C-alpha cells in the first residue's frame, strides 16, 4: 500500500462523538512510551501527523485520521501510565473500552509491545481483555532496531510463551521499527488485505 494522503480528522472523548464512517477503521494502542506515535508517523510517511512526546501519556483522546480517503486510523491513549490519578485512569479506561466494544466499523486493533522488555501486567491484562471480549486484535512488537537478532527473537519468544499460558492460539503479529521501517510494509499490506475483505462484504 502506498500512502498518498493522510489527514487528521478529529479528537474526541467518547465513541459517540467519533466521525461517522462507512470505511474500515484500525486502532493503535499500547503502554505509554511504547513508540506508538513514532510508528504511526513512519507507517504513514509523515513526520508529525501523530504527536510524538518525551512525556508518557501525552495522547489523551481518541484521535482519528483519514488515510487515502479509504480507511481510518485511530491513535488511542496509552495505558499503564502511573503518574495520573485513579479517577483519571478509570475515565480513560471507560473511554477506551466503550470505543473498542461499540465502534461498529473497527476492523482490528493493533496492540503495541516493546520488544526490548518483558511483558508487563498492563499489556497482558489488555490482551486478555480483548480475548475475553472476543475483539479482533493484532500484536506489533516495536523498537526492534534496538536489539540484535538473538535478543529480539529471545524476547519475543518469551512474551509469546507467557501469553500462551492463557491463549490457545495467538493473534497475528508483526515486528517493527519506526527508525529503520522494519515491518511497516507488512502492517500496511495487512490493512490493505483487510480493506479488500471489508469492501467485498459491503458492496
Protein backbone atom coordinates (compact mmCIF):
# COMPACT_ATOMS: atom_id res chain seq x y z
CA UNK A 1 0.00 0.00 0.00
CA UNK A 2 1.22 3.47 -0.92
CA UNK A 3 0.16 6.27 1.41
CA UNK A 4 -0.85 9.15 -0.84
CA UNK A 5 -2.92 11.12 1.63
CA UNK A 6 -3.15 11.25 5.41
CA UNK A 7 -5.13 13.89 7.25
CA UNK A 8 -6.22 14.49 10.81
CA UNK A 9 -9.99 14.41 11.28
CA UNK A 10 -10.83 14.88 14.95
CA UNK A 11 -10.08 14.22 18.62
CA UNK A 12 -12.87 13.06 20.89
CA UNK A 13 -13.54 11.99 24.46
CA UNK A 14 -16.20 9.40 23.64
CA UNK A 15 -17.01 6.98 20.84
CA UNK A 16 -20.39 8.69 20.32
CA UNK A 17 -18.63 11.81 19.05
CA UNK A 18 -16.27 9.97 16.69
CA UNK A 19 -16.74 10.71 12.99
CA UNK A 20 -19.44 8.60 11.39
CA UNK A 21 -18.00 6.43 8.70
CA UNK A 22 -18.72 3.53 6.39
CA UNK A 23 -14.99 2.97 5.96
CA UNK A 24 -12.83 0.33 7.67
CA UNK A 25 -11.04 1.51 10.80
CA UNK A 26 -7.86 0.37 12.58
CA UNK A 27 -6.87 1.44 16.08
CA UNK A 28 -3.40 1.61 17.63
CA UNK A 29 -2.95 1.23 21.37
CA UNK A 30 -0.07 0.42 23.71
CA UNK A 31 1.52 1.07 27.03
CA UNK A 32 2.78 4.63 27.45
CA UNK A 33 6.14 5.24 25.78
CA UNK A 34 5.93 2.13 23.58
CA UNK A 35 6.65 4.23 20.49
CA UNK A 36 3.11 4.37 19.14
CA UNK A 37 3.15 7.87 17.67
CA UNK A 38 6.56 7.34 16.08
CA UNK A 39 5.39 4.13 14.43
CA UNK A 40 2.19 5.71 13.14
CA UNK A 41 4.19 8.56 11.60
CA UNK A 42 6.58 6.05 9.99
CA UNK A 43 3.72 3.94 8.60
CA UNK A 44 2.09 6.99 7.06
CA UNK A 45 5.33 8.58 5.85
CA UNK A 46 4.73 11.73 7.86
CA UNK A 47 6.93 13.40 10.46
CA UNK A 48 4.45 14.92 12.86
CA UNK A 49 0.96 13.67 12.00
CA UNK A 50 0.71 11.80 15.30
CA UNK A 51 2.22 13.85 18.09
CA UNK A 52 5.46 12.44 19.49
CA UNK A 53 6.31 13.47 23.03
CA UNK A 54 9.06 12.73 25.52
CA UNK A 55 6.34 12.78 28.17
CA UNK A 56 4.47 9.47 28.50
CA UNK A 57 0.70 9.71 28.47
CA UNK A 58 0.57 12.62 26.02
CA UNK A 59 -2.23 11.10 23.93
CA UNK A 60 -5.43 11.57 25.95
CA UNK A 61 -8.13 11.49 23.30
CA UNK A 62 -9.48 9.24 20.55
CA UNK A 63 -7.66 10.67 17.52
CA UNK A 64 -8.98 9.88 14.04
CA UNK A 65 -7.03 10.17 10.78
CA UNK A 66 -8.35 9.58 7.24
CA UNK A 67 -5.90 7.66 5.05
CA UNK A 68 -6.06 7.73 1.23
CA UNK A 69 -9.77 8.62 1.59
CA UNK A 70 -10.21 4.86 2.01
CA UNK A 71 -9.72 3.91 5.65
CA UNK A 72 -9.40 5.36 9.14
CA UNK A 73 -6.51 5.13 11.56
CA UNK A 74 -7.13 5.76 15.25
CA UNK A 75 -4.48 6.75 17.79
CA UNK A 76 -5.73 5.77 21.25
CA UNK A 77 -4.40 6.90 24.64
CA UNK A 78 -1.64 4.81 26.16
CA UNK A 79 -2.29 2.67 29.20
CA UNK A 80 -0.19 1.74 32.23
CA UNK A 81 0.99 5.30 32.90
CA UNK A 82 1.38 5.65 36.67
CA UNK A 83 1.51 9.44 37.05
CA UNK A 84 -2.20 10.09 36.74
CA UNK A 85 -4.93 9.88 39.35
CA UNK A 86 -7.04 6.76 39.80
CA UNK A 87 -10.10 8.76 38.75
CA UNK A 88 -8.40 9.91 35.55
CA UNK A 89 -7.22 6.39 34.80
CA UNK A 90 -10.73 4.98 35.25
CA UNK A 91 -12.08 7.70 32.96
CA UNK A 92 -9.55 6.79 30.26
CA UNK A 93 -10.31 3.08 30.60
CA UNK A 94 -14.04 3.65 30.22
CA UNK A 95 -13.49 5.84 27.15
CA UNK A 96 -11.22 3.26 25.52
CA UNK A 97 -13.33 0.22 26.40
CA UNK A 98 -16.52 1.82 25.11
CA UNK A 99 -14.82 2.78 21.86
CA UNK A 100 -13.35 -0.72 21.36
CA UNK A 101 -16.59 -2.56 22.08
CA UNK A 102 -19.07 -0.23 20.37
CA UNK A 103 -17.29 1.16 17.30
CA UNK A 104 -19.01 -0.82 14.54
CA UNK A 105 -16.52 -0.19 11.71
CA UNK A 106 -13.44 -1.11 13.78
CA UNK A 107 -11.77 -3.95 11.85
CA UNK A 108 -8.85 -4.63 14.19
CA UNK A 109 -6.81 -3.07 16.96
CA UNK A 110 -3.02 -3.15 16.92
CA UNK A 111 -1.67 -3.65 20.43
CA UNK A 112 1.93 -2.44 20.57
CA UNK A 113 4.51 -4.19 22.75
CA UNK A 114 8.07 -3.01 23.40
CA UNK A 115 10.30 -5.79 22.08
CA UNK A 116 13.13 -4.76 24.44
CA UNK A 117 11.38 -5.61 27.69
CA UNK A 118 9.36 -8.38 29.30
CA UNK A 119 5.59 -8.46 29.07
CA UNK A 120 4.10 -6.08 31.61
CA UNK A 121 0.96 -6.81 33.61
CA UNK A 122 -0.86 -3.93 31.90
CA UNK A 123 -0.04 -5.42 28.48
CA UNK A 124 -1.17 -8.88 29.50
CA UNK A 125 -4.37 -7.55 31.03
CA UNK A 126 -5.19 -5.58 27.89
CA UNK A 127 -4.52 -8.51 25.55
CA UNK A 128 -6.54 -10.89 27.72
CA UNK A 129 -9.38 -8.35 27.89
CA UNK A 130 -9.54 -8.42 24.09
CA UNK A 131 -9.72 -12.20 24.21
CA UNK A 132 -12.43 -12.23 26.86
CA UNK A 133 -14.50 -9.79 24.81
CA UNK A 134 -13.74 -11.61 21.54
CA UNK A 135 -12.45 -8.46 19.87
CA UNK A 136 -10.09 -8.67 16.87
CA UNK A 137 -6.51 -7.71 17.65
CA UNK A 138 -3.07 -7.82 16.11
CA UNK A 139 0.21 -7.63 18.01
CA UNK A 140 3.00 -5.27 16.99
CA UNK A 141 6.45 -5.55 18.55
CA UNK A 142 8.16 -2.14 18.44
CA UNK A 143 11.75 -0.86 18.62
CA UNK A 144 13.26 -3.97 17.03
CA UNK A 145 16.27 -1.92 15.88
CA UNK A 146 17.41 -1.58 19.50
CA UNK A 147 18.27 -5.29 19.79
CA UNK A 148 20.41 -7.79 17.94
CA UNK A 149 18.64 -10.69 16.23
CA UNK A 150 19.22 -13.18 19.06
CA UNK A 151 17.97 -10.79 21.75
CA UNK A 152 14.95 -9.87 19.66
CA UNK A 153 13.96 -13.46 18.94
CA UNK A 154 14.50 -14.47 22.56
CA UNK A 155 12.43 -11.60 23.96
CA UNK A 156 9.54 -12.14 21.57
CA UNK A 157 9.56 -15.88 22.21
CA UNK A 158 9.37 -15.22 25.96
CA UNK A 159 6.43 -12.83 25.53
CA UNK A 160 4.55 -15.28 23.33
CA UNK A 161 5.26 -18.13 25.75
CA UNK A 162 3.73 -16.14 28.60
CA UNK A 163 0.65 -15.24 26.56
CA UNK A 164 0.17 -18.87 25.54
CA UNK A 165 -0.43 -19.75 29.17
CA UNK A 166 -3.91 -18.32 28.61
CA UNK A 167 -4.28 -18.34 24.83
CA UNK A 168 -4.71 -21.46 22.71
CA UNK A 169 -3.53 -19.59 19.62
CA UNK A 170 -2.00 -16.15 19.46
CA UNK A 171 -3.18 -13.36 17.14
CA UNK A 172 -1.09 -12.44 14.11
CA UNK A 173 1.95 -10.35 14.98
CA UNK A 174 4.47 -8.04 13.30
CA UNK A 175 7.98 -6.97 14.27
CA UNK A 176 8.57 -3.28 13.58
CA UNK A 177 10.90 -0.33 13.93
CA UNK A 178 9.97 3.31 13.44
CA UNK A 179 13.68 4.06 12.96
CA UNK A 180 14.51 1.81 10.01
CA UNK A 181 11.00 0.96 8.81
CA UNK A 182 11.17 -2.75 9.61
CA UNK A 183 7.75 -4.37 9.32
CA UNK A 184 5.92 -1.25 8.16
CA UNK A 185 5.13 -2.54 4.68
CA UNK A 186 3.86 -5.80 6.19
CA UNK A 187 1.49 -3.89 8.51
CA UNK A 188 0.19 -1.80 5.61
CA UNK A 189 -0.27 -4.93 3.47
CA UNK A 190 -2.26 -6.48 6.32
CA UNK A 191 -4.51 -3.42 6.40
CA UNK A 192 -4.88 -3.43 2.62
CA UNK A 193 -5.90 -7.12 2.63
CA UNK A 194 -8.50 -6.47 5.33
CA UNK A 195 -9.78 -3.46 3.40
CA UNK A 196 -10.44 -5.72 0.41
CA UNK A 197 -12.41 -8.10 2.64
CA UNK A 198 -14.36 -5.14 4.03
CA UNK A 199 -15.16 -3.87 0.54
CA UNK A 200 -16.31 -7.30 -0.62
CA UNK A 201 -18.65 -7.63 2.36
CA UNK A 202 -20.08 -4.15 1.99
CA UNK A 203 -20.58 -3.95 -1.79
